Amino acid sequence: MRRHLRNLRSDERGSALAMVAVSLVAVMSMMALAVDLAMLYTAHAEAQRTADSAALAGAQVYRDEPTMTELQQVALVKHMAKEFAAKNYVRGPAIDTTLIHATTYRDTTKEVIVETNPAARTVRVTIRRQGMGLWFANLLGIGRAGVQASAVAQASQAGGARCVIPLALPDLWVDAQSDANHNKTWDEGEDWEYDPATDSYQAFSGSDRPGDTGYGSDIRDPYPVGNPPVQYTRDLGRLIHLKPQNPQQEVVPGPGWFFPWRIGSSHGASDYRNNFMNCNPAETHLGTTYDLEMGNMVGPTQQAVEDLVALDPDARWDQATKTVVNSKYPDWKSSPRVVKVAVFDPHEFQRAMSSHTIKFNNFALLWLEGMKGSGNKNSYVAARFLYYATGSGGGPETGPFPLYLRLIK
């Protein structure tokens, strides 16, 4: 009997050891699987971050290079997305962007697919990393696995912008009375003053819509101006009298117009000059009412312009290349002489005369030439039109410009 009990206890110990061994195998298998899953999770997160960033890098072209043709844009979108992806890693090795197949709107590489849609201003980037070796799952016959992630970025219409200087710019109209040579653009000696009863205005829509007169439209393209005559395309490089120091001077919406306006709660000469010289982070919105400065700000304007020009003194606009040369900034578009200006419908002048407020319908990028002319009576702030500015997303109204970047998938 005693021998039987001893055998029973021995059998029980053997069974327990077997159960523990089986449990340990199960626990170790689960731990091994958890390690491999964690590795795959990390790899997918890296691939997703790369897809997000590469898509945004590609979509940036739609925002920053609006004057390119569609094919030029698409080629650069694909290049920027692939270039950014190639600088990133998924579980060690860098992403391989060796081209396998290319069409106009899609590039397929070993580990990246870039698909563009210029009509919607979107780019989709897909990152694929295959054949990653597994550690413990290999014991279960699963030796390798892959991850895939995709993102879609868009240059979307915005309704606001930051770092706008406190000078309002009237958009261009066609003056029926003072356009002596009928070239649809202001010439020296002509005295343009907006009259809604006889003149015509329509903001640039971003395409060749008949009737568009605003900056960026092609209505003035056939007509060279100046002596010697200069031909402009979509107003790129066109010289603007951004702020005549004498409001009765040449191209103005109407008599007595003062161009300075108030950003946020700022007011007075000191705030005005500071907002001109430095980026005010307050977001300026399209369709929102802003107060005008009551004074003409002749002195503060001249001081601010001269100080900005002094930050990049040797740079100048070259009409032959339609770009800035001799800038001390590697990318001249980052020069402090490239300024962002709020643009308004010249109809707004009629309302502003009584209410001393203004609403904007666009944001333009200008190259600041400096102060031109002589004395307070004939001097003016000279600038050259570049294109429309990037936005920051807010505001009650949007239009074809400005644009901001966002991930939509």
Protein backbone atom coordinates (compact mmCIF):
# COMPACT_ATOMS: atom_id res chain seq x y z
CA MET A 1 0.00 0.00 0.00
CA ARG A 2 2.78 2.35 0.92
CA ARG A 3 4.61 1.51 -2.27
CA HIS A 4 1.45 2.31 -4.22
CA LEU A 5 1.09 5.75 -2.56
CA ARG A 6 4.71 6.54 -3.27
CA ASN A 7 4.21 5.64 -6.95
CA LEU A 8 1.09 7.80 -7.07
CA ARG A 9 2.89 10.80 -5.63
CA SER A 10 5.71 10.26 -8.11
CA ASP A 11 3.24 10.13 -10.99
CA GLU A 12 1.62 13.37 -9.80
CA ARG A 13 5.00 15.11 -9.68
CA GLY A 14 5.74 13.91 -13.19
CA SER A 15 2.39 15.17 -14.47
CA ALA A 16 2.94 18.56 -12.84
CA LEU A 17 6.35 18.85 -14.43
CA ALA A 18 4.86 18.00 -17.80
CA MET A 19 2.12 20.60 -17.35
CA VAL A 20 4.68 23.23 -16.33
CA ALA A 21 6.80 22.39 -19.35
CA VAL A 22 3.82 22.71 -21.69
CA SER A 23 2.80 25.99 -20.02
CA LEU A 24 6.31 27.36 -20.33
CA VAL A 25 6.34 26.53 -24.02
CA ALA A 26 3.00 28.34 -24.46
CA VAL A 27 4.15 31.35 -22.44
CA MET A 28 7.46 31.53 -24.28
CA SER A 29 5.64 31.25 -27.62
CA MET A 30 3.33 34.09 -26.62
CA MET A 31 6.29 36.19 -25.49
CA ALA A 32 8.10 35.43 -28.73
CA LEU A 33 5.04 36.38 -30.73
CA ALA A 34 4.70 39.58 -28.70
CA VAL A 35 8.31 40.52 -29.48
CA ASP A 36 7.78 40.01 -33.21
CA LEU A 37 4.46 41.86 -33.15
CA ALA A 38 6.10 44.77 -31.33
CA MET A 39 8.81 44.85 -33.99
CA LEU A 40 6.18 44.88 -36.75
CA TYR A 41 4.22 47.58 -34.94
CA THR A 42 7.35 49.75 -34.71
CA ALA A 43 8.13 49.14 -38.38
CA HIS A 44 4.59 50.12 -39.39
CA ALA A 45 4.78 53.30 -37.30
CA GLU A 46 8.06 54.23 -39.02
CA ALA A 47 6.53 53.53 -42.44
CA GLN A 48 3.45 55.62 -41.59
CA ARG A 49 5.53 58.58 -40.41
CA THR A 50 7.54 58.38 -43.61
CA ALA A 51 4.41 58.21 -45.78
CA ASP A 52 2.89 61.21 -43.96
CA SER A 53 6.03 63.33 -44.29
CA ALA A 54 6.75 62.35 -47.90
CA ALA A 55 3.16 63.14 -48.93
CA LEU A 56 3.36 66.57 -47.29
CA ALA A 57 6.73 67.20 -48.96
CA GLY A 58 5.20 66.41 -52.34
CA ALA A 59 2.02 68.45 -51.77
CA GLN A 60 4.17 71.43 -50.83
CA VAL A 61 4.99 71.82 -54.52
CA TYR A 62 1.33 72.60 -55.32
CA ARG A 63 1.45 75.35 -52.71
CA ASP A 64 4.88 76.83 -53.36
CA GLU A 65 5.18 76.52 -57.16
CA PRO A 66 1.78 77.67 -58.49
CA THR A 67 3.23 79.23 -61.64
CA MET A 68 4.61 75.93 -62.94
CA THR A 69 2.76 74.06 -65.66
CA GLU A 70 0.83 70.97 -64.58
CA LEU A 71 3.47 68.59 -65.95
CA GLN A 72 6.25 70.51 -64.24
CA GLN A 73 4.35 70.42 -60.96
CA VAL A 74 3.64 66.70 -61.21
CA ALA A 75 7.27 65.85 -61.97
CA LEU A 76 8.48 67.91 -59.00
CA VAL A 77 5.80 66.50 -56.68
CA LYS A 78 6.96 62.95 -57.43
CA HIS A 79 10.63 63.92 -57.07
CA MET A 80 10.14 65.65 -53.71
CA ALA A 81 8.07 62.80 -52.26
CA LYS A 82 10.61 60.15 -53.31
CA GLU A 83 13.56 62.24 -52.19
CA PHE A 84 12.06 62.71 -48.73
CA ALA A 85 11.13 59.04 -48.44
CA ALA A 86 14.69 57.98 -49.33
CA LYS A 87 16.02 59.89 -46.32
CA ASN A 88 13.99 57.75 -43.91
CA TYR A 89 14.45 54.27 -42.45
CA VAL A 90 12.17 51.36 -41.58
CA ARG A 91 13.74 48.96 -39.09
CA GLY A 92 17.28 49.77 -40.12
CA PRO A 93 17.77 50.00 -43.90
CA ALA A 94 16.91 53.20 -45.75
CA ILE A 95 13.85 53.11 -47.99
CA ASP A 96 14.71 52.01 -51.53
CA THR A 97 13.39 54.42 -54.18
CA THR A 98 14.94 52.69 -57.19
CA LEU A 99 12.48 53.30 -60.01
CA ILE A 100 10.63 50.28 -61.44
CA HIS A 101 7.88 51.90 -63.53
CA ALA A 102 6.79 55.48 -64.23
CA THR A 103 3.80 57.17 -65.85
CA THR A 104 2.93 60.85 -65.97
CA TYR A 105 1.05 60.85 -62.68
CA ARG A 106 2.44 57.78 -60.89
CA ASP A 107 5.91 56.45 -60.02
CA THR A 108 6.45 52.94 -58.70
CA THR A 109 9.76 52.20 -57.01
CA LYS A 110 10.96 49.18 -55.06
CA GLU A 111 9.47 50.43 -51.80
CA VAL A 112 7.54 53.61 -52.63
CA ILE A 113 4.53 54.40 -54.80
CA VAL A 114 3.77 58.08 -55.50
CA GLU A 115 0.42 58.99 -57.09
CA THR A 116 -0.43 62.58 -58.00
CA ASN A 117 -3.71 64.36 -58.73
CA PRO A 118 -2.99 67.97 -59.77
CA ALA A 119 -6.68 68.79 -60.27
CA ALA A 120 -7.33 68.13 -56.58
CA ARG A 121 -3.78 69.20 -55.58
CA THR A 122 -3.22 65.88 -53.78
CA VAL A 123 -0.43 63.31 -53.58
CA ARG A 124 -0.67 59.76 -52.20
CA VAL A 125 2.48 58.06 -50.94
CA THR A 126 2.57 54.33 -50.14
CA ILE A 127 5.54 52.80 -48.30
CA ARG A 128 6.07 49.03 -48.60
CA ARG A 129 8.75 47.15 -46.69
CA GLN A 130 8.71 43.39 -47.36
CA GLY A 131 10.82 40.46 -46.24
CA MET A 132 11.67 41.62 -42.71
CA GLY A 133 13.11 38.70 -40.76
CA LEU A 134 11.25 37.59 -37.64
CA TRP A 135 12.96 36.30 -34.53
CA PHE A 136 10.79 33.84 -32.65
CA ALA A 137 7.90 33.40 -35.06
CA ASN A 138 10.40 31.61 -37.27
CA LEU A 139 10.08 28.66 -34.89
CA LEU A 140 6.43 28.44 -35.95
CA GLY A 141 7.32 28.45 -39.62
CA ILE A 142 6.75 32.21 -40.14
CA GLY A 143 10.17 33.47 -41.14
CA ARG A 144 9.43 36.83 -42.74
CA ALA A 145 6.74 39.54 -42.81
CA GLY A 146 6.10 42.96 -44.33
CA VAL A 147 4.39 46.25 -43.51
CA GLN A 148 2.62 48.83 -45.66
CA ALA A 149 1.44 52.37 -44.90
CA SER A 150 -0.03 55.13 -47.03
CA ALA A 151 -0.96 58.80 -46.66
CA VAL A 152 -2.66 61.44 -48.79
CA ALA A 153 -1.70 65.09 -48.47
CA GLN A 154 -3.46 68.04 -50.07
CA ALA A 155 -2.72 71.70 -50.68
CA SER A 156 -6.14 72.94 -49.58
CA GLN A 157 -7.83 76.29 -49.91
CA ALA A 158 -7.31 78.51 -46.87
CA GLY A 159 -8.96 81.56 -45.45
CA GLY A 160 -6.18 83.02 -43.34
CA ALA A 161 -2.49 83.89 -43.27
CA ARG A 162 0.11 84.95 -40.73
CA CYS A 163 3.06 87.36 -40.92
CA VAL A 164 1.10 89.81 -43.10
CA ILE A 165 2.51 93.34 -43.25
CA PRO A 166 0.08 96.17 -42.30
CA LEU A 167 -0.24 97.65 -45.80
CA ALA A 168 -3.36 96.94 -47.86
CA LEU A 169 -2.97 96.39 -51.60
CA PRO A 170 -5.85 97.18 -53.98
CA ASP A 171 -6.31 94.45 -56.55
CA LEU A 172 -6.05 95.51 -60.21
CA TRP A 173 -9.10 96.64 -62.13
CA VAL A 174 -9.70 97.90 -65.67
CA ASP A 175 -10.15 101.66 -65.68
CA ALA A 176 -12.59 102.77 -68.38
CA GLN A 177 -11.80 106.49 -68.11
CA SER A 178 -8.07 106.83 -67.51
CA ASP A 179 -6.60 103.96 -69.55
CA ALA A 180 -5.59 106.23 -72.42
CA ASN A 181 -3.92 103.59 -74.59
CA HIS A 182 -6.39 100.81 -73.66
CA ASN A 183 -3.70 98.36 -72.60
CA LYS A 184 -5.58 97.41 -69.42
CA THR A 185 -2.69 98.46 -67.23
CA TRP A 186 -1.58 101.65 -65.55
CA ASP A 187 1.13 103.67 -67.32
CA GLU A 188 3.17 106.64 -66.15
CA GLY A 189 1.09 109.78 -66.49
CA GLU A 190 -2.26 108.03 -66.14
CA ASP A 191 -4.34 108.85 -63.05
CA TRP A 192 -6.37 105.77 -62.17
CA GLU A 193 -9.21 106.06 -59.66
CA TYR A 194 -11.71 103.26 -59.21
CA ASP A 195 -15.31 104.06 -60.22
CA PRO A 196 -17.68 101.08 -59.76
CA ALA A 197 -20.15 102.62 -62.19
CA THR A 198 -17.78 102.51 -65.16
CA ASP A 199 -14.77 100.37 -64.24
CA SER A 200 -14.60 96.58 -64.11
CA TYR A 201 -13.05 94.27 -61.55
CA GLN A 202 -12.99 90.51 -61.04
CA ALA A 203 -10.51 88.71 -58.80
CA PHE A 204 -8.17 86.15 -60.37
CA SER A 205 -9.77 82.71 -60.07
CA GLY A 206 -6.63 80.66 -60.61
CA SER A 207 -7.52 79.87 -64.22
CA ASP A 208 -8.09 81.79 -67.44
CA ARG A 209 -11.65 82.79 -66.62
CA PRO A 210 -12.93 85.54 -68.96
CA GLY A 211 -13.23 88.84 -67.18
CA ASP A 212 -10.59 88.27 -64.48
CA THR A 213 -8.70 91.52 -63.93
CA GLY A 214 -6.91 90.89 -60.61
CA TYR A 215 -3.20 90.25 -60.15
CA GLY A 216 -2.16 86.93 -61.67
CA SER A 217 -4.68 86.99 -64.51
CA ASP A 218 -3.58 87.01 -68.15
CA ILE A 219 -5.60 90.08 -69.16
CA ARG A 220 -2.47 92.28 -69.30
CA ASP A 221 -0.12 89.72 -70.86
CA PRO A 222 -0.29 91.04 -74.46
CA TYR A 223 0.63 94.59 -73.46
CA PRO A 224 4.27 95.50 -72.71
CA VAL A 225 4.83 98.56 -70.55
CA GLY A 226 7.67 100.98 -69.83
CA ASN A 227 10.55 102.38 -71.81
CA PRO A 228 12.12 100.15 -72.98
CA PRO A 229 8.93 98.04 -72.99
CA VAL A 230 8.80 95.05 -70.67
CA GLN A 231 6.56 92.05 -71.27
CA TYR A 232 5.00 90.44 -68.19
CA THR A 233 3.32 87.06 -67.89
CA ARG A 234 0.59 86.88 -65.24
CA ASP A 235 2.11 90.00 -63.66
CA LEU A 236 5.22 88.14 -62.44
CA GLY A 237 7.73 90.88 -61.62
CA ARG A 238 5.29 93.70 -62.42
CA LEU A 239 6.28 96.88 -60.59
CA ILE A 240 3.68 98.04 -58.08
CA HIS A 241 3.34 101.38 -56.31
CA LEU A 242 2.54 99.54 -53.09
CA LYS A 243 2.05 102.69 -51.08
CA PRO A 244 2.15 106.16 -52.58
CA GLN A 245 3.21 108.45 -49.75
CA ASN A 246 0.86 111.04 -51.24
CA PRO A 247 -2.61 109.39 -51.44
CA GLN A 248 -3.57 111.59 -54.39
CA GLN A 249 -0.80 110.03 -56.41
CA GLU A 250 -1.34 107.88 -59.51
CA VAL A 251 -2.91 104.41 -58.93
CA VAL A 252 -5.27 104.61 -55.95
CA PRO A 253 -8.83 103.37 -55.46
CA GLY A 254 -9.95 106.93 -54.70
CA PRO A 255 -8.88 110.23 -53.16
CA GLY A 256 -7.88 110.38 -49.51
CA TRP A 257 -7.13 106.66 -49.26
CA PHE A 258 -4.65 105.62 -46.60
CA PHE A 259 -3.21 102.13 -47.10
CA PRO A 260 -2.05 101.24 -43.55
CA TRP A 261 -4.37 99.02 -41.48
CA ARG A 262 -4.39 97.52 -37.99
CA ILE A 263 -3.41 93.93 -37.24
CA GLY A 264 -5.35 92.65 -34.25
CA SER A 265 -5.43 95.10 -31.37
CA SER A 266 -2.30 96.93 -32.46
CA HIS A 267 -2.50 100.60 -33.39
CA GLY A 268 -0.28 103.62 -33.70
CA ALA A 269 3.07 104.28 -35.36
CA SER A 270 5.18 102.06 -33.10
CA ASP A 271 3.00 98.95 -33.49
CA TYR A 272 2.63 99.63 -37.20
CA ARG A 273 6.38 99.76 -37.77
CA ASN A 274 6.97 96.66 -35.59
CA ASN A 275 4.34 94.68 -37.53
CA PHE A 276 5.98 95.78 -40.78
CA MET A 277 9.46 94.75 -39.66
CA ASN A 278 8.60 91.55 -37.79
CA CYS A 279 6.20 88.66 -38.23
CA ASN A 280 2.97 89.26 -36.34
CA PRO A 281 1.70 85.71 -35.60
CA ALA A 282 -1.93 86.86 -35.44
CA GLU A 283 -3.90 85.22 -38.24
CA THR A 284 -5.41 87.61 -40.78
CA HIS A 285 -8.67 86.28 -42.24
CA LEU A 286 -10.36 86.78 -45.57
CA GLY A 287 -13.82 88.29 -45.25
CA THR A 288 -13.17 89.67 -41.76
CA THR A 289 -13.44 93.40 -41.02
CA TYR A 290 -10.25 95.19 -39.98
CA ASP A 291 -9.71 98.77 -38.85
CA LEU A 292 -7.72 101.22 -40.93
CA GLU A 293 -5.02 103.40 -39.43
CA MET A 294 -6.22 106.97 -39.30
CA GLY A 295 -2.85 108.42 -40.26
CA ASN A 296 -0.89 107.97 -43.47
CA MET A 297 2.15 106.58 -41.59
CA VAL A 298 4.57 108.24 -44.00
CA GLY A 299 7.56 108.25 -41.65
CA PRO A 300 7.11 104.77 -40.11
CA THR A 301 6.55 103.27 -43.56
CA GLN A 302 9.75 104.73 -44.96
CA GLN A 303 11.76 103.65 -41.90
CA ALA A 304 10.42 100.09 -42.02
CA VAL A 305 11.01 99.71 -45.76
CA GLU A 306 14.56 101.06 -45.57
CA ASP A 307 15.36 98.77 -42.63
CA LEU A 308 14.06 95.69 -44.45
CA VAL A 309 16.00 96.52 -47.61
CA ALA A 310 19.13 96.94 -45.50
CA LEU A 311 18.84 93.31 -44.37
CA ASP A 312 19.50 92.13 -47.95
CA PRO A 313 20.97 95.26 -49.56
CA ASP A 314 22.60 93.85 -52.71
CA ALA A 315 19.67 91.73 -53.88
CA ARG A 316 17.77 92.93 -56.93
CA TRP A 317 15.03 91.75 -59.27
CA ASP A 318 16.29 90.47 -62.62
CA GLN A 319 13.55 90.67 -65.20
CA ALA A 320 15.46 88.53 -67.70
CA THR A 321 15.39 85.51 -65.38
CA LYS A 322 12.28 86.62 -63.47
CA THR A 323 14.01 86.01 -60.18
CA VAL A 324 16.08 87.78 -57.54
CA VAL A 325 19.87 87.83 -57.90
CA ASN A 326 22.70 88.74 -55.50
CA SER A 327 20.66 87.87 -52.41
CA LYS A 328 22.70 86.87 -49.39
CA TYR A 329 20.08 84.19 -48.68
CA PRO A 330 20.66 80.84 -50.46
CA ASP A 331 16.94 80.74 -51.18
CA TRP A 332 16.02 84.31 -52.07
CA LYS A 333 12.36 83.59 -51.25
CA SER A 334 13.39 83.48 -47.59
CA SER A 335 14.77 87.03 -47.80
CA PRO A 336 13.03 89.53 -45.46
CA ARG A 337 12.37 91.59 -48.59
CA VAL A 338 9.78 89.01 -49.67
CA VAL A 339 6.66 90.26 -47.90
CA LYS A 340 3.10 88.99 -47.57
CA VAL A 341 0.41 91.59 -48.28
CA ALA A 342 -3.37 91.47 -47.84
CA VAL A 343 -5.22 92.26 -51.09
CA PHE A 344 -8.66 93.89 -51.27
CA ASP A 345 -11.42 94.26 -53.81
CA PRO A 346 -11.41 97.94 -54.95
CA HIS A 347 -15.17 98.00 -54.24
CA GLU A 348 -14.12 97.96 -50.59
CA PHE A 349 -12.89 101.52 -50.95
CA GLN A 350 -16.44 102.84 -51.14
CA ARG A 351 -17.35 101.22 -47.83
CA ALA A 352 -14.06 102.08 -46.16
CA MET A 353 -14.53 105.78 -46.86
CA SER A 354 -17.43 105.87 -44.41
CA SER A 355 -16.64 103.08 -41.95
CA HIS A 356 -12.82 103.24 -41.80
CA THR A 357 -12.65 99.45 -42.07
CA ILE A 358 -11.54 97.02 -44.74
CA LYS A 359 -12.03 93.39 -45.78
CA PHE A 360 -9.53 91.33 -47.76
CA ASN A 361 -10.06 88.78 -50.51
CA ASN A 362 -6.50 87.47 -51.02
CA PHE A 363 -2.87 87.46 -49.89
CA ALA A 364 -0.03 88.28 -52.27
CA LEU A 365 3.72 87.76 -52.14
CA LEU A 366 5.74 90.79 -53.19
CA TRP A 367 9.43 91.54 -53.63
CA LEU A 368 10.17 94.81 -51.81
CA GLU A 369 12.18 97.08 -54.10
CA GLY A 370 12.39 99.97 -51.63
CA MET A 371 11.49 103.64 -51.55
CA LYS A 372 11.37 105.28 -54.98
CA GLY A 373 10.76 108.85 -56.13
CA SER A 374 11.85 112.04 -54.41
CA GLY A 375 10.46 113.79 -51.35
CA ASN A 376 7.28 112.96 -49.49
CA LYS A 377 5.08 114.24 -52.31
CA ASN A 378 6.39 111.98 -55.07
CA SER A 379 7.92 109.06 -53.16
CA TYR A 380 6.31 105.65 -52.97
CA VAL A 381 6.98 102.10 -51.79
CA ALA A 382 7.97 100.06 -54.84
CA ALA A 383 7.38 96.31 -54.94
CA ARG A 384 7.14 93.55 -57.53
CA PHE A 385 4.31 91.06 -57.70
CA LEU A 386 5.40 87.43 -57.35
CA TYR A 387 2.27 85.38 -56.81
CA TYR A 388 -0.27 84.59 -54.12
CA ALA A 389 0.88 83.67 -50.64
CA THR A 390 0.53 80.49 -48.62
CA GLY A 391 -2.17 80.33 -45.97
CA SER A 392 -2.74 78.97 -42.50
CA GLY A 393 -6.22 77.53 -42.77
CA GLY A 394 -8.54 79.77 -40.72
CA GLY A 395 -11.13 82.36 -41.64
CA PRO A 396 -14.83 82.59 -42.52
CA GLU A 397 -14.15 82.65 -46.27
CA THR A 398 -11.83 80.78 -48.62
CA GLY A 399 -10.86 81.19 -52.25
CA PRO A 400 -8.55 79.60 -54.81
CA PHE A 401 -5.72 81.25 -52.87
CA PRO A 402 -4.08 81.00 -50.41
CA LEU A 403 -3.24 77.33 -49.82
CA TYR A 404 -2.18 75.34 -46.78
CA LEU A 405 -0.99 71.77 -46.35
CA ARG A 406 -2.92 69.01 -44.58
CA LEU A 407 -3.18 65.24 -44.40
CA ILE A 408 -6.59 64.06 -45.53
CA LYS A 409 -6.02 60.29 -45.24
